[in-house]
PDB file of N, CA and C in Angstrom:
ATOM      1  N   MET A   1     -19.362   2.497   9.128  1.00  0.00           N
ATOM      2  CA  MET A   1     -18.607   3.862   8.303  1.00  0.00           C
ATOM      3  C   MET A   1     -17.104   4.387   8.682  1.00  0.00           C
ATOM      4  N   LYS A   2     -17.072   3.957   9.967  1.00  0.00           N
ATOM      5  CA  LYS A   2     -15.597   4.501  10.513  1.00  0.00           C
ATOM      6  C   LYS A   2     -14.761   3.442  10.007  1.00  0.00           C
ATOM      7  N   ASN A   3     -15.075   2.210  10.168  1.00  0.00           N
ATOM      8  CA  ASN A   3     -14.368   1.378   9.584  1.00  0.00           C
ATOM      9  C   ASN A   3     -13.912   1.220   7.589  1.00  0.00           C
ATOM     10  N   LEU A   4     -15.083   1.616   7.221  1.00  0.00           N
ATOM     11  CA  LEU A   4     -15.123   2.004   5.789  1.00  0.00           C
ATOM     12  C   LEU A   4     -13.659   2.574   5.607  1.00  0.00           C
ATOM     13  N   MET A   5     -13.677   3.742   6.072  1.00  0.00           N
ATOM     14  CA  MET A   5     -12.870   4.905   6.257  1.00  0.00           C
ATOM     15  C   MET A   5     -11.557   4.708   6.626  1.00  0.00           C
ATOM     16  N   PHE A   6     -11.511   3.883   7.686  1.00  0.00           N
ATOM     17  CA  PHE A   6      -9.893   2.997   8.122  1.00  0.00           C
ATOM     18  C   PHE A   6      -9.465   2.661   6.863  1.00  0.00           C
ATOM     19  N   LEU A   7     -10.382   1.451   6.642  1.00  0.00           N
ATOM     20  CA  LEU A   7     -10.086   0.916   5.354  1.00  0.00           C
ATOM     21  C   LEU A   7      -9.211   1.596   4.215  1.00  0.00           C
ATOM     22  N   PHE A   8     -10.183   2.551   3.525  1.00  0.00           N
ATOM     23  CA  PHE A   8      -9.409   3.553   2.302  1.00  0.00           C
ATOM     24  C   PHE A   8      -8.114   4.151   3.121  1.00  0.00           C
ATOM     25  N   LEU A   9      -7.750   4.322   4.610  1.00  0.00           N
ATOM     26  CA  LEU A   9      -6.515   4.572   4.733  1.00  0.00           C
ATOM     27  C   LEU A   9      -5.702   4.357   4.887  1.00  0.00           C
ATOM     28  N   LEU A  10      -6.031   2.807   5.285  1.00  0.00           N
ATOM     29  CA  LEU A  10      -4.989   1.450   5.299  1.00  0.00           C
ATOM     30  C   LEU A  10      -4.522   1.117   4.186  1.00  0.00           C
ATOM     31  N   LEU A  11      -5.250   0.757   2.916  1.00  0.00           N
ATOM     32  CA  LEU A  11      -5.285   0.006   1.827  1.00  0.00           C
ATOM     33  C   LEU A  11      -3.676   0.681   0.873  1.00  0.00           C
ATOM     34  N   PRO A  12      -4.137   2.125   0.944  1.00  0.00           N
ATOM     35  CA  PRO A  12      -2.341   2.542   0.163  1.00  0.00           C
ATOM     36  C   PRO A  12      -1.114   1.670   1.075  1.00  0.00           C
ATOM     37  N   SER A  13      -1.266   2.096   2.396  1.00  0.00           N
ATOM     38  CA  SER A  13       0.016   1.512   2.663  1.00  0.00           C
ATOM     39  C   SER A  13       0.354  -0.114   2.756  1.00  0.00           C
ATOM     40  N   ILE A  14      -0.993  -0.769   2.721  1.00  0.00           N
ATOM     41  CA  ILE A  14      -0.933  -2.428   2.414  1.00  0.00           C
ATOM     42  C   ILE A  14      -0.331  -2.556   1.167  1.00  0.00           C
ATOM     43  N   ALA A  15      -0.908  -1.540   0.083  1.00  0.00           N
ATOM     44  CA  ALA A  15      -0.552  -1.990  -1.326  1.00  0.00           C
ATOM     45  C   ALA A  15       0.940  -1.527  -1.593  1.00  0.00           C
ATOM     46  N   MET A  16       1.546  -0.511  -0.658  1.00  0.00           N
ATOM     47  CA  MET A  16       2.747  -0.348  -0.903  1.00  0.00           C
ATOM     48  C   MET A  16       3.947  -0.989  -0.264  1.00  0.00           C
ATOM     49  N   VAL A  17       3.304  -1.952   0.391  1.00  0.00           N
ATOM     50  CA  VAL A  17       4.315  -2.621   1.094  1.00  0.00           C
ATOM     51  C   VAL A  17       4.716  -3.766   0.183  1.00  0.00           C
ATOM     52  N   GLN A  18       3.513  -4.264  -0.754  1.00  0.00           N
ATOM     53  CA  GLN A  18       3.525  -5.571  -0.982  1.00  0.00           C
ATOM     54  C   GLN A  18       4.798  -5.768  -2.127  1.00  0.00           C
ATOM     55  N   PRO A  19       4.971  -4.748  -3.011  1.00  0.00           N
ATOM     56  CA  PRO A  19       6.321  -4.884  -3.710  1.00  0.00           C
ATOM     57  C   PRO A  19       7.267  -4.656  -2.912  1.00  0.00           C
ATOM     58  N   ASN A  20       7.711  -4.538  -2.051  1.00  0.00           N
ATOM     59  CA  ASN A  20       8.965  -4.707  -0.884  1.00  0.00           C
ATOM     60  C   ASN A  20       9.111  -5.905  -0.764  1.00  0.00           C
ATOM     61  N   LEU A  21       7.712  -6.710  -0.088  1.00  0.00           N
ATOM     62  CA  LEU A  21       8.029  -7.926   0.431  1.00  0.00           C
ATOM     63  C   LEU A  21       8.122  -8.937  -0.718  1.00  0.00           C
ATOM     64  N   ASN A  22       7.334  -8.796  -1.905  1.00  0.00           N
ATOM     65  CA  ASN A  22       7.981  -9.643  -3.172  1.00  0.00           C
ATOM     66  C   ASN A  22       9.482  -8.953  -3.225  1.00  0.00           C
ATOM     67  N   GLY A  23       9.901  -8.075  -3.307  1.00  0.00           N
ATOM     68  CA  GLY A  23      11.624  -7.915  -3.459  1.00  0.00           C
ATOM     69  C   GLY A  23      12.442  -8.629  -2.327  1.00  0.00           C
ATOM     70  N   ILE A  24      11.837  -8.339  -1.335  1.00  0.00           N
ATOM     71  CA  ILE A  24      12.794  -8.884  -0.267  1.00  0.00           C
ATOM     72  C   ILE A  24      12.589 -10.952  -0.165  1.00  0.00           C
ATOM     73  N   SER A  25      11.278 -11.033  -0.633  1.00  0.00           N
ATOM     74  CA  SER A  25      11.307 -12.470  -1.017  1.00  0.00           C
ATOM     75  C   SER A  25      11.957 -13.067  -1.927  1.00  0.00           C
ATOM     76  N   LYS A  26      12.282 -12.682  -2.975  1.00  0.00           N
ATOM     77  CA  LYS A  26      13.070 -12.875  -4.119  1.00  0.00           C
ATOM     78  C   LYS A  26      14.473 -12.707  -3.782  1.00  0.00           C
ATOM     79  N   ALA A  27      14.996 -11.581  -3.172  1.00  0.00           N
ATOM     80  CA  ALA A  27      16.314 -11.612  -2.706  1.00  0.00           C
ATOM     81  C   ALA A  27      16.862 -12.508  -2.087  1.00  0.00           C
ATOM     82  N   ILE A  28      16.025 -13.009  -0.819  1.00  0.00           N
ATOM     83  CA  ILE A  28      16.078 -14.059   0.419  1.00  0.00           C
ATOM     84  C   ILE A  28      16.369 -15.288  -0.283  1.00  0.00           C
ATOM     85  N   SER A  29      15.440 -15.784  -1.724  1.00  0.00           N
ATOM     86  CA  SER A  29      15.402 -16.762  -2.299  1.00  0.00           C
ATOM     87  C   SER A  29      16.705 -17.317  -3.345  1.00  0.00           C
ATOM     88  N   ASP A  30      16.820 -15.971  -4.162  1.00  0.00           N
ATOM     89  CA  ASP A  30      18.415 -15.697  -4.760  1.00  0.00           C
ATOM     90  C   ASP A  30      19.619 -15.866  -3.703  1.00  0.00           C
ATOM     91  N   GLY A  31      19.117 -15.393  -2.542  1.00  0.00           N
ATOM     92  CA  GLY A  31      20.549 -15.738  -1.623  1.00  0.00           C
ATOM     93  C   GLY A  31      21.354 -14.441  -2.203  1.00  0.00           C
ATOM     94  N   ASP A  32      20.584 -13.224  -2.611  1.00  0.00           N
ATOM     95  CA  ASP A  32      21.330 -11.895  -3.143  1.00  0.00           C
ATOM     96  C   ASP A  32      20.964 -11.112  -2.068  1.00  0.00           C
ATOM     97  N   ALA A  33      22.428 -10.825  -1.319  1.00  0.00           N
ATOM     98  CA  ALA A  33      22.676  -9.589  -0.238  1.00  0.00           C
ATOM     99  C   ALA A  33      22.492  -8.133  -0.539  1.00  0.00           C
ATOM    100  N   VAL A  34      22.977  -8.305  -1.903  1.00  0.00           N
ATOM    101  CA  VAL A  34      23.192  -6.975  -2.242  1.00  0.00           C
ATOM    102  C   VAL A  34      21.585  -6.453  -2.520  1.00  0.00           C
ATOM    103  N   ALA A  35      20.911  -7.237  -3.027  1.00  0.00           N
ATOM    104  CA  ALA A  35      19.548  -6.842  -3.666  1.00  0.00           C
ATOM    105  C   ALA A  35      18.602  -6.625  -2.449  1.00  0.00           C
ATOM    106  N   LEU A  36      19.082  -7.662  -1.503  1.00  0.00           N
ATOM    107  CA  LEU A  36      18.204  -7.340  -0.200  1.00  0.00           C
ATOM    108  C   LEU A  36      18.557  -5.808   0.511  1.00  0.00           C
ATOM    109  N   SER A  37      19.949  -5.509   0.373  1.00  0.00           N
ATOM    110  CA  SER A  37      20.234  -4.158   1.007  1.00  0.00           C
ATOM    111  C   SER A  37      19.206  -3.033   0.796  1.00  0.00           C
ATOM    112  N   GLN A  38      18.787  -2.895  -0.119  1.00  0.00           N
ATOM    113  CA  GLN A  38      17.908  -2.057  -0.643  1.00  0.00           C
ATOM    114  C   GLN A  38      17.173  -1.677   0.153  1.00  0.00           C
ATOM    115  N   PHE A  39      16.623  -2.480   0.684  1.00  0.00           N
ATOM    116  CA  PHE A  39      15.256  -2.163   1.525  1.00  0.00           C
ATOM    117  C   PHE A  39      15.492  -2.070   2.896  1.00  0.00           C
ATOM    118  N   PHE A  40      17.080  -2.421   3.127  1.00  0.00           N
ATOM    119  CA  PHE A  40      17.632  -1.615   4.498  1.00  0.00           C
ATOM    120  C   PHE A  40      17.622  -0.427   4.924  1.00  0.00           C
ATOM    121  N   ASP A  41      17.324  -0.451   6.122  1.00  0.00           N
ATOM    122  CA  ASP A  41      17.393   1.032   6.834  1.00  0.00           C
ATOM    123  C   ASP A  41      19.083   1.162   6.956  1.00  0.00           C
ATOM    124  N   SER A  42      19.365   2.405   7.622  1.00  0.00           N
ATOM    125  CA  SER A  42      20.732   2.810   7.878  1.00  0.00           C
ATOM    126  C   SER A  42      21.405   1.972   8.534  1.00  0.00           C
ATOM    127  N   ASN A  43      20.988   1.340   9.642  1.00  0.00           N
ATOM    128  CA  ASN A  43      21.098   0.395  10.550  1.00  0.00           C
ATOM    129  C   ASN A  43      20.429  -0.989  10.860  1.00  0.00           C
ATOM    130  N   ILE A  44      20.703  -2.163  10.748  1.00  0.00           N
ATOM    131  CA  ILE A  44      19.670  -2.887  10.643  1.00  0.00           C
ATOM    132  C   ILE A  44      20.353  -4.159  12.143  1.00  0.00           C
ATOM    133  N   GLU A  45      19.315  -4.840  12.720  1.00  0.00           N
ATOM    134  CA  GLU A  45      20.003  -5.919  13.531  1.00  0.00           C
ATOM    135  C   GLU A  45      19.266  -6.894  12.777  1.00  0.00           C
ATOM    136  N   ILE A  46      20.500  -7.779  12.669  1.00  0.00           N
ATOM    137  CA  ILE A  46      20.647  -9.209  12.160  1.00  0.00           C
ATOM    138  C   ILE A  46      20.546  -9.956  13.403  1.00  0.00           C
ATOM    139  N   SER A  47      19.650 -11.443  13.209  1.00  0.00           N
ATOM    140  CA  SER A  47      20.001 -12.531  14.278  1.00  0.00           C
ATOM    141  C   SER A  47      20.131 -13.544  13.325  1.00  0.00           C
ATOM    142  N   ILE A  48      21.176 -14.204  13.537  1.00  0.00           N
ATOM    143  CA  ILE A  48      21.617 -15.732  12.600  1.00  0.00           C
ATOM    144  C   ILE A  48      21.940 -16.594  13.627  1.00  0.00           C
ATOM    145  N   LEU A  49      20.889 -17.600  14.210  1.00  0.00           N
ATOM    146  CA  LEU A  49      20.999 -18.084  14.853  1.00  0.00           C
ATOM    147  C   LEU A  49      21.132 -17.566  16.641  1.00  0.00           C
ATOM    148  N   ASP A  50      22.007 -17.817  17.391  1.00  0.00           N
ATOM    149  CA  ASP A  50      21.815 -17.270  18.327  1.00  0.00           C
ATOM    150  C   ASP A  50      23.167 -15.657  18.251  1.00  0.00           C
ATOM    151  N   ASP A  51      23.512 -15.616  17.246  1.00  0.00           N
ATOM    152  CA  ASP A  51      24.613 -14.575  16.898  1.00  0.00           C
ATOM    153  C   ASP A  51      23.637 -13.186  16.383  1.00  0.00           C
ATOM    154  N   MET A  52      23.743 -12.254  17.737  1.00  0.00           N
ATOM    155  CA  MET A  52      22.772 -11.173  16.860  1.00  0.00           C
ATOM    156  C   MET A  52      23.619  -9.840  17.015  1.00  0.00           C
ATOM    157  N   ASP A  53      23.461  -9.211  15.977  1.00  0.00           N
ATOM    158  CA  ASP A  53      24.285  -7.373  16.399  1.00  0.00           C
ATOM    159  C   ASP A  53      23.489  -6.487  15.580  1.00  0.00           C
ATOM    160  N   VAL A  54      23.799  -5.497  15.583  1.00  0.00           N
ATOM    161  CA  VAL A  54      23.634  -4.531  14.618  1.00  0.00           C
ATOM    162  C   VAL A  54      24.410  -3.969  13.817  1.00  0.00           C
ATOM    163  N   TYR A  55      24.133  -3.737  12.766  1.00  0.00           N
ATOM    164  CA  TYR A  55      25.021  -3.701  11.424  1.00  0.00           C
ATOM    165  C   TYR A  55      24.872  -2.289  10.356  1.00  0.00           C
ATOM    166  N   ASN A  56      25.724  -1.473  10.228  1.00  0.00           N
ATOM    167  CA  ASN A  56      25.530  -0.539   9.045  1.00  0.00           C
ATOM    168  C   ASN A  56      25.013  -1.527   7.989  1.00  0.00           C
ATOM    169  N   LYS A  57      24.602  -1.022   6.807  1.00  0.00           N
ATOM    170  CA  LYS A  57      24.366  -1.261   5.549  1.00  0.00           C
ATOM    171  C   LYS A  57      25.408  -2.100   4.599  1.00  0.00           C
ATOM    172  N   ALA A  58      26.532  -1.699   4.992  1.00  0.00           N
ATOM    173  CA  ALA A  58      27.662  -2.443   4.618  1.00  0.00           C
ATOM    174  C   ALA A  58      28.014  -3.820   5.062  1.00  0.00           C
ATOM    175  N   GLU A  59      28.483  -3.663   5.994  1.00  0.00           N
ATOM    176  CA  GLU A  59      28.586  -4.611   7.291  1.00  0.00           C
ATOM    177  C   GLU A  59      27.370  -5.758   6.949  1.00  0.00           C
ATOM    178  N   ALA A  60      26.203  -5.358   7.091  1.00  0.00           N
ATOM    179  CA  ALA A  60      24.915  -6.098   7.091  1.00  0.00           C
ATOM    180  C   ALA A  60      24.764  -6.943   5.954  1.00  0.00           C
ATOM    181  N   VAL A  61      25.173  -6.324   4.704  1.00  0.00           N
ATOM    182  CA  VAL A  61      25.420  -7.194   3.454  1.00  0.00           C
ATOM    183  C   VAL A  61      26.745  -8.028   3.157  1.00  0.00           C
ATOM    184  N   GLN A  62      27.738  -8.045   4.483  1.00  0.00           N
ATOM    185  CA  GLN A  62      29.171  -9.051   4.438  1.00  0.00           C
ATOM    186  C   GLN A  62      28.463  -9.906   5.266  1.00  0.00           C
ATOM    187  N   THR A  63      27.888  -9.771   6.323  1.00  0.00           N
ATOM    188  CA  THR A  63      27.267 -10.676   6.885  1.00  0.00           C
ATOM    189  C   THR A  63      26.258 -11.706   6.541  1.00  0.00           C
ATOM    190  N   LEU A  64      25.868 -11.085   5.589  1.00  0.00           N
ATOM    191  CA  LEU A  64      24.340 -11.966   4.911  1.00  0.00           C
ATOM    192  C   LEU A  64      25.107 -12.466   3.763  1.00  0.00           C
ATOM    193  N   LYS A  65      26.132 -12.004   3.198  1.00  0.00           N
ATOM    194  CA  LYS A  65      26.956 -12.620   1.881  1.00  0.00           C
ATOM    195  C   LYS A  65      27.544 -14.124   2.711  1.00  0.00           C
ATOM    196  N   ALA A  66      28.073 -13.811   3.813  1.00  0.00           N
ATOM    197  CA  ALA A  66      28.616 -15.235   4.214  1.00  0.00           C
ATOM    198  C   ALA A  66      27.817 -16.092   4.809  1.00  0.00           C
ATOM    199  N   PHE A  67      26.335 -15.655   5.616  1.00  0.00           N
ATOM    200  CA  PHE A  67      25.345 -16.643   5.334  1.00  0.00           C
ATOM    201  C   PHE A  67      24.925 -17.492   4.510  1.00  0.00           C
ATOM    202  N   PHE A  68      24.720 -16.540   3.215  1.00  0.00           N
ATOM    203  CA  PHE A  68      24.245 -17.317   2.053  1.00  0.00           C
ATOM    204  C   PHE A  68      25.302 -17.857   1.535  1.00  0.00           C
ATOM    205  N   ALA A  69      26.493 -17.767   1.536  1.00  0.00           N
ATOM    206  CA  ALA A  69      27.548 -18.765   0.686  1.00  0.00           C
ATOM    207  C   ALA A  69      27.585 -19.951   1.783  1.00  0.00           C
ATOM    208  N   LYS A  70      27.399 -20.019   2.922  1.00  0.00           N
ATOM    209  CA  LYS A  70      27.630 -21.131   3.505  1.00  0.00           C
ATOM    210  C   LYS A  70      26.250 -22.343   3.825  1.00  0.00           C
ATOM    211  N   ASN A  71      24.976 -21.045   3.415  1.00  0.00           N
ATOM    212  CA  ASN A  71      23.827 -21.743   3.350  1.00  0.00           C
ATOM    213  C   ASN A  71      23.099 -21.838   2.189  1.00  0.00           C
ATOM    214  N   LYS A  72      23.422 -21.888   0.772  1.00  0.00           N
ATOM    215  CA  LYS A  72      22.740 -21.692  -0.331  1.00  0.00           C
ATOM    216  C   LYS A  72      21.346 -21.788  -0.713  1.00  0.00           C
ATOM    217  N   PRO A  73      20.451 -20.941  -0.927  1.00  0.00           N
ATOM    218  CA  PRO A  73      19.402 -21.172  -0.483  1.00  0.00           C
ATOM    219  C   PRO A  73      18.728 -21.980  -2.118  1.00  0.00           C
ATOM    220  N   THR A  74      17.937 -23.101  -1.854  1.00  0.00           N
ATOM    221  CA  THR A  74      17.060 -23.659  -2.487  1.00  0.00           C
ATOM    222  C   THR A  74      15.900 -23.324  -2.493  1.00  0.00           C
ATOM    223  N   SER A  75      15.194 -23.010  -1.633  1.00  0.00           N
ATOM    224  CA  SER A  75      13.597 -22.188  -2.039  1.00  0.00           C
ATOM    225  C   SER A  75      13.392 -21.174  -0.516  1.00  0.00           C
ATOM    226  N   TYR A  76      12.448 -20.259  -1.006  1.00  0.00           N
ATOM    227  CA  TYR A  76      12.265 -19.333   0.022  1.00  0.00           C
ATOM    228  C   TYR A  76      10.542 -19.343   0.087  1.00  0.00           C
ATOM    229  N   SER A  77       9.757 -19.411   0.978  1.00  0.00           N
ATOM    230  CA  SER A  77       8.347 -19.049   0.832  1.00  0.00           C
ATOM    231  C   SER A  77       7.811 -18.353   1.966  1.00  0.00           C
ATOM    232  N   GLN A  78       7.265 -17.241   1.765  1.00  0.00           N
ATOM    233  CA  GLN A  78       6.835 -16.097   2.689  1.00  0.00           C
ATOM    234  C   GLN A  78       5.383 -17.153   3.236  1.00  0.00           C
ATOM    235  N   MET A  79       5.165 -17.328   4.543  1.00  0.00           N
ATOM    236  CA  MET A  79       4.319 -17.982   5.018  1.00  0.00           C
ATOM    237  C   MET A  79       3.052 -17.246   5.690  1.00  0.00           C
ATOM    238  N   HIS A  80       3.659 -16.080   6.220  1.00  0.00           N
ATOM    239  CA  HIS A  80       2.636 -14.890   7.058  1.00  0.00           C
ATOM    240  C   HIS A  80       2.860 -13.406   6.599  1.00  0.00           C
ATOM    241  N   LYS A  81       2.287 -12.920   6.860  1.00  0.00           N
ATOM    242  CA  LYS A  81       2.605 -10.807   6.536  1.00  0.00           C
ATOM    243  C   LYS A  81       1.250 -10.400   7.377  1.00  0.00           C
ATOM    244  N   GLY A  82       1.896  -9.273   8.017  1.00  0.00           N
ATOM    245  CA  GLY A  82       0.788  -8.337   8.409  1.00  0.00           C
ATOM    246  C   GLY A  82       1.273  -6.921   8.582  1.00  0.00           C
ATOM    247  N   THR A  83       0.622  -6.161   8.978  1.00  0.00           N
ATOM    248  CA  THR A  83       0.618  -4.900   9.515  1.00  0.00           C
ATOM    249  C   THR A  83       0.359  -4.472  10.770  1.00  0.00           C
ATOM    250  N   SER A  84       0.932  -3.366  11.385  1.00  0.00           N
ATOM    251  CA  SER A  84       0.549  -3.364  13.187  1.00  0.00           C
ATOM    252  C   SER A  84      -0.465  -2.423  12.811  1.00  0.00           C
ATOM    253  N   LYS A  85      -1.211  -2.104  14.061  1.00  0.00           N
ATOM    254  CA  LYS A  85      -2.217  -1.816  14.194  1.00  0.00           C
ATOM    255  C   LYS A  85      -2.464  -0.141  13.868  1.00  0.00           C
ATOM    256  N   GLY A  86      -1.283   0.563  14.021  1.00  0.00           N
ATOM    257  CA  GLY A  86      -1.165   1.900  13.257  1.00  0.00           C
ATOM    258  C   GLY A  86      -0.504   2.021  12.176  1.00  0.00           C
ATOM    259  N   ALA A  87      -0.338   1.227  11.357  1.00  0.00           N
ATOM    260  CA  ALA A  87       0.057   0.942  10.000  1.00  0.00           C
ATOM    261  C   ALA A  87       1.665   1.553   9.826  1.00  0.00           C
ATOM    262  N   ASP A  88       2.463   1.531  11.117  1.00  0.00           N
ATOM    263  CA  ASP A  88       3.634   2.264  11.005  1.00  0.00           C
ATOM    264  C   ASP A  88       4.623   1.153  10.978  1.00  0.00           C
ATOM    265  N   SER A  89       4.330  -0.205  10.968  1.00  0.00           N
ATOM    266  CA  SER A  89       5.245  -1.408  10.385  1.00  0.00           C
ATOM    267  C   SER A  89       4.641  -2.739  10.139  1.00  0.00           C
ATOM    268  N   GLN A  90       5.765  -3.197   9.209  1.00  0.00           N
ATOM    269  CA  GLN A  90       4.861  -4.495   8.824  1.00  0.00           C
ATOM    270  C   GLN A  90       5.920  -5.516   9.414  1.00  0.00           C
ATOM    271  N   TYR A  91       5.634  -6.950   9.010  1.00  0.00           N
ATOM    272  CA  TYR A  91       6.343  -8.226   9.423  1.00  0.00           C
ATOM    273  C   TYR A  91       5.911  -9.471   8.323  1.00  0.00           C
ATOM    274  N   SER A  92       7.120 -10.037   8.120  1.00  0.00           N
ATOM    275  CA  SER A  92       6.638 -11.275   6.612  1.00  0.00           C
ATOM    276  C   SER A  92       7.637 -11.979   7.918  1.00  0.00           C
ATOM    277  N   ILE A  93       6.607 -13.695   7.572  1.00  0.00           N
ATOM    278  CA  ILE A  93       7.557 -14.645   8.282  1.00  0.00           C
ATOM    279  C   ILE A  93       7.505 -15.866   7.040  1.00  0.00           C
ATOM    280  N   GLY A  94       8.547 -16.452   6.834  1.00  0.00           N
ATOM    281  CA  GLY A  94       8.756 -17.180   5.944  1.00  0.00           C
ATOM    282  C   GLY A  94       9.905 -18.392   6.100  1.00  0.00           C
ATOM    283  N   ASN A  95       9.813 -19.289   5.338  1.00  0.00           N
ATOM    284  CA  ASN A  95      10.764 -20.566   5.580  1.00  0.00           C
ATOM    285  C   ASN A  95      11.626 -20.594   4.397  1.00  0.00           C
ATOM    286  N   LEU A  96      12.586 -20.490   4.813  1.00  0.00           N
ATOM    287  CA  LEU A  96      14.373 -20.393   4.078  1.00  0.00           C
ATOM    288  C   LEU A  96      14.494 -22.128   3.869  1.00  0.00           C
ATOM    289  N   VAL A  97      14.444 -22.592   3.014  1.00  0.00           N
ATOM    290  CA  VAL A  97      15.385 -24.059   2.657  1.00  0.00           C
ATOM    291  C   VAL A  97      16.754 -23.573   1.939  1.00  0.00           C
ATOM    292  N   THR A  98      18.112 -24.485   2.704  1.00  0.00           N
ATOM    293  CA  THR A  98      19.238 -24.001   1.738  1.00  0.00           C
ATOM    294  C   THR A  98      19.596 -25.666   1.771  1.00  0.00           C
ATOM    295  N   ALA A  99      20.782 -25.686   1.212  1.00  0.00           N
ATOM    296  CA  ALA A  99      21.407 -27.126   0.676  1.00  0.00           C
ATOM    297  C   ALA A  99      21.645 -27.796   2.025  1.00  0.00           C
ATOM    298  N   THR A 100      21.906 -27.196   2.992  1.00  0.00           N
ATOM    299  CA  THR A 100      21.936 -27.817   4.619  1.00  0.00           C
ATOM    300  C   THR A 100      20.941 -28.044   5.442  1.00  0.00           C
ATOM    301  N   ASN A 101      20.284 -26.689   5.584  1.00  0.00           N
ATOM    302  CA  ASN A 101      19.795 -26.644   6.752  1.00  0.00           C
ATOM    303  C   ASN A 101      18.191 -25.828   6.361  1.00  0.00           C
ATOM    304  N   SER A 102      16.902 -25.890   7.070  1.00  0.00           N
ATOM    305  CA  SER A 102      15.763 -24.954   7.287  1.00  0.00           C
ATOM    306  C   SER A 102      16.219 -23.884   8.034  1.00  0.00           C
ATOM    307  N   TYR A 103      15.435 -23.004   7.574  1.00  0.00           N
ATOM    308  CA  TYR A 103      15.256 -21.828   8.639  1.00  0.00           C
ATOM    309  C   TYR A 103      14.079 -20.797   8.296  1.00  0.00           C
ATOM    310  N   ARG A 104      13.833 -20.444   9.581  1.00  0.00           N
ATOM    311  CA  ARG A 104      12.406 -19.516  10.109  1.00  0.00           C
ATOM    312  C   ARG A 104      12.858 -18.369   9.786  1.00  0.00           C
ATOM    313  N   VAL A 105      12.738 -17.469   8.522  1.00  0.00           N
ATOM    314  CA  VAL A 105      13.184 -16.145   8.588  1.00  0.00           C
ATOM    315  C   VAL A 105      11.859 -15.354   8.987  1.00  0.00           C
ATOM    316  N   TYR A 106      12.183 -14.178   9.811  1.00  0.00           N
ATOM    317  CA  TYR A 106      11.397 -13.514   9.967  1.00  0.00           C
ATOM    318  C   TYR A 106      11.989 -11.649   9.664  1.00  0.00           C
ATOM    319  N   VAL A 107      11.007 -10.936   9.527  1.00  0.00           N
ATOM    320  CA  VAL A 107      11.548  -9.725   8.926  1.00  0.00           C
ATOM    321  C   VAL A 107      10.444  -8.716   9.117  1.00  0.00           C
ATOM    322  N   TYR A 108      11.200  -7.614   9.645  1.00  0.00           N
ATOM    323  CA  TYR A 108      10.484  -6.661  10.488  1.00  0.00           C
ATOM    324  C   TYR A 108      10.681  -5.038   9.945  1.00  0.00           C
ATOM    325  N   LEU A 109       9.901  -4.396   9.009  1.00  0.00           N
ATOM    326  CA  LEU A 109      10.010  -3.369   8.214  1.00  0.00           C
ATOM    327  C   LEU A 109       9.321  -2.075   9.115  1.00  0.00           C
ATOM    328  N   LYS A 110       9.839  -1.007   9.047  1.00  0.00           N
ATOM    329  CA  LYS A 110       9.159   0.314   9.927  1.00  0.00           C
ATOM    330  C   LYS A 110       8.982   0.976   8.488  1.00  0.00           C
ATOM    331  N   VAL A 111       7.729   1.582   8.705  1.00  0.00           N
ATOM    332  CA  VAL A 111       7.401   2.772   7.932  1.00  0.00           C
ATOM    333  C   VAL A 111       8.006   4.132   8.135  1.00  0.00           C
ATOM    334  N   GLN A 112       8.891   4.730   7.030  1.00  0.00           N
ATOM    335  CA  GLN A 112       9.139   6.023   7.251  1.00  0.00           C
ATOM    336  C   GLN A 112       8.861   7.172   6.013  1.00  0.00           C
ATOM    337  N   GLY A 113       7.762   7.476   6.424  1.00  0.00           N
ATOM    338  CA  GLY A 113       7.491   8.390   5.251  1.00  0.00           C
ATOM    339  C   GLY A 113       7.033   7.522   4.130  1.00  0.00           C
ATOM    340  N   ASN A 114       7.306   7.474   3.049  1.00  0.00           N
ATOM    341  CA  ASN A 114       6.645   6.451   2.270  1.00  0.00           C
ATOM    342  C   ASN A 114       7.321   5.306   1.729  1.00  0.00           C
ATOM    343  N   GLN A 115       8.114   4.985   2.496  1.00  0.00           N
ATOM    344  CA  GLN A 115       9.445   3.933   2.832  1.00  0.00           C
ATOM    345  C   GLN A 115       8.897   2.938   3.480  1.00  0.00           C
ATOM    346  N   GLN A 116       9.170   1.409   3.201  1.00  0.00           N
ATOM    347  CA  GLN A 116       9.288   0.624   4.349  1.00  0.00           C
ATOM    348  C   GLN A 116      10.578   0.062   4.361  1.00  0.00           C
ATOM    349  N   LEU A 117      11.392   0.270   5.440  1.00  0.00           N
ATOM    350  CA  LEU A 117      12.887   0.205   5.506  1.00  0.00           C
ATOM    351  C   LEU A 117      12.836  -1.450   6.567  1.00  0.00           C
ATOM    352  N   ILE A 118      13.973  -2.189   6.195  1.00  0.00           N
ATOM    353  CA  ILE A 118      14.079  -3.147   7.264  1.00  0.00           C
ATOM    354  C   ILE A 118      14.540  -2.991   8.531  1.00  0.00           C
ATOM    355  N   GLN A 119      14.051  -2.964   9.610  1.00  0.00           N
ATOM    356  CA  GLN A 119      14.849  -2.811  10.755  1.00  0.00           C
ATOM    357  C   GLN A 119      15.560  -3.842  11.282  1.00  0.00           C
ATOM    358  N   GLU A 120      14.793  -5.197  11.187  1.00  0.00           N
ATOM    359  CA  GLU A 120      15.030  -6.492  11.709  1.00  0.00           C
ATOM    360  C   GLU A 120      14.762  -7.398  10.917  1.00  0.00           C
ATOM    361  N   LEU A 121      16.208  -8.427  10.891  1.00  0.00           N
ATOM    362  CA  LEU A 121      16.278  -9.530  10.082  1.00  0.00           C
ATOM    363  C   LEU A 121      16.590 -10.584  10.875  1.00  0.00           C
ATOM    364  N   ARG A 122      15.910 -12.116  10.951  1.00  0.00           N
ATOM    365  CA  ARG A 122      16.398 -12.997  11.948  1.00  0.00           C
ATOM    366  C   ARG A 122      16.349 -14.169  11.261  1.00  0.00           C
ATOM    367  N   PHE A 123      17.288 -15.181  11.232  1.00  0.00           N
ATOM    368  CA  PHE A 123      17.252 -16.467  10.832  1.00  0.00           C
ATOM    369  C   PHE A 123      17.455 -17.480  12.033  1.00  0.00           C
ATOM    370  N   ASP A 124      16.021 -18.366  11.842  1.00  0.00           N
ATOM    371  CA  ASP A 124      16.511 -19.072  13.032  1.00  0.00           C
ATOM    372  C   ASP A 124      16.297 -20.649  12.475  1.00  0.00           C
ATOM    373  N   LYS A 125      17.006 -21.803  13.063  1.00  0.00           N
ATOM    374  CA  LYS A 125      16.531 -23.039  12.789  1.00  0.00           C
ATOM    375  C   LYS A 125      15.606 -23.456  13.029  1.00  0.00           C
ATOM    376  N   GLU A 126      15.183 -24.165  11.716  1.00  0.00           N
ATOM    377  CA  GLU A 126      13.619 -25.394  12.038  1.00  0.00           C
ATOM    378  C   GLU A 126      13.901 -26.190  12.311  1.00  0.00           C
TER     379      GLU A 126
END
């Protein structure tokens, strides 16, 4: 019975994150930094290869625009996703294929109220 109650409490939070993950996946696939920014927290940690920094939304958009300009996406597929034990964060791991390279993309979202906001975005070369 406890497990069933936990499932009923967890299900709404899982259902809420799916539209965000779909929107995030589409924005990455399209190389659309502006669309992706609607899911950003006020500050976001972005790591591209070995270059990591914390940016405000405007800086993050410019950083991602530059990345996508140099690495035009041809496809993106979400490989894994999950929710933390306390359902206060989610993650997604995907593969981004660009005209020149392939990247493993890590997205970490934190639940704040009824929103899931990207806290960290990482692009590692495969």
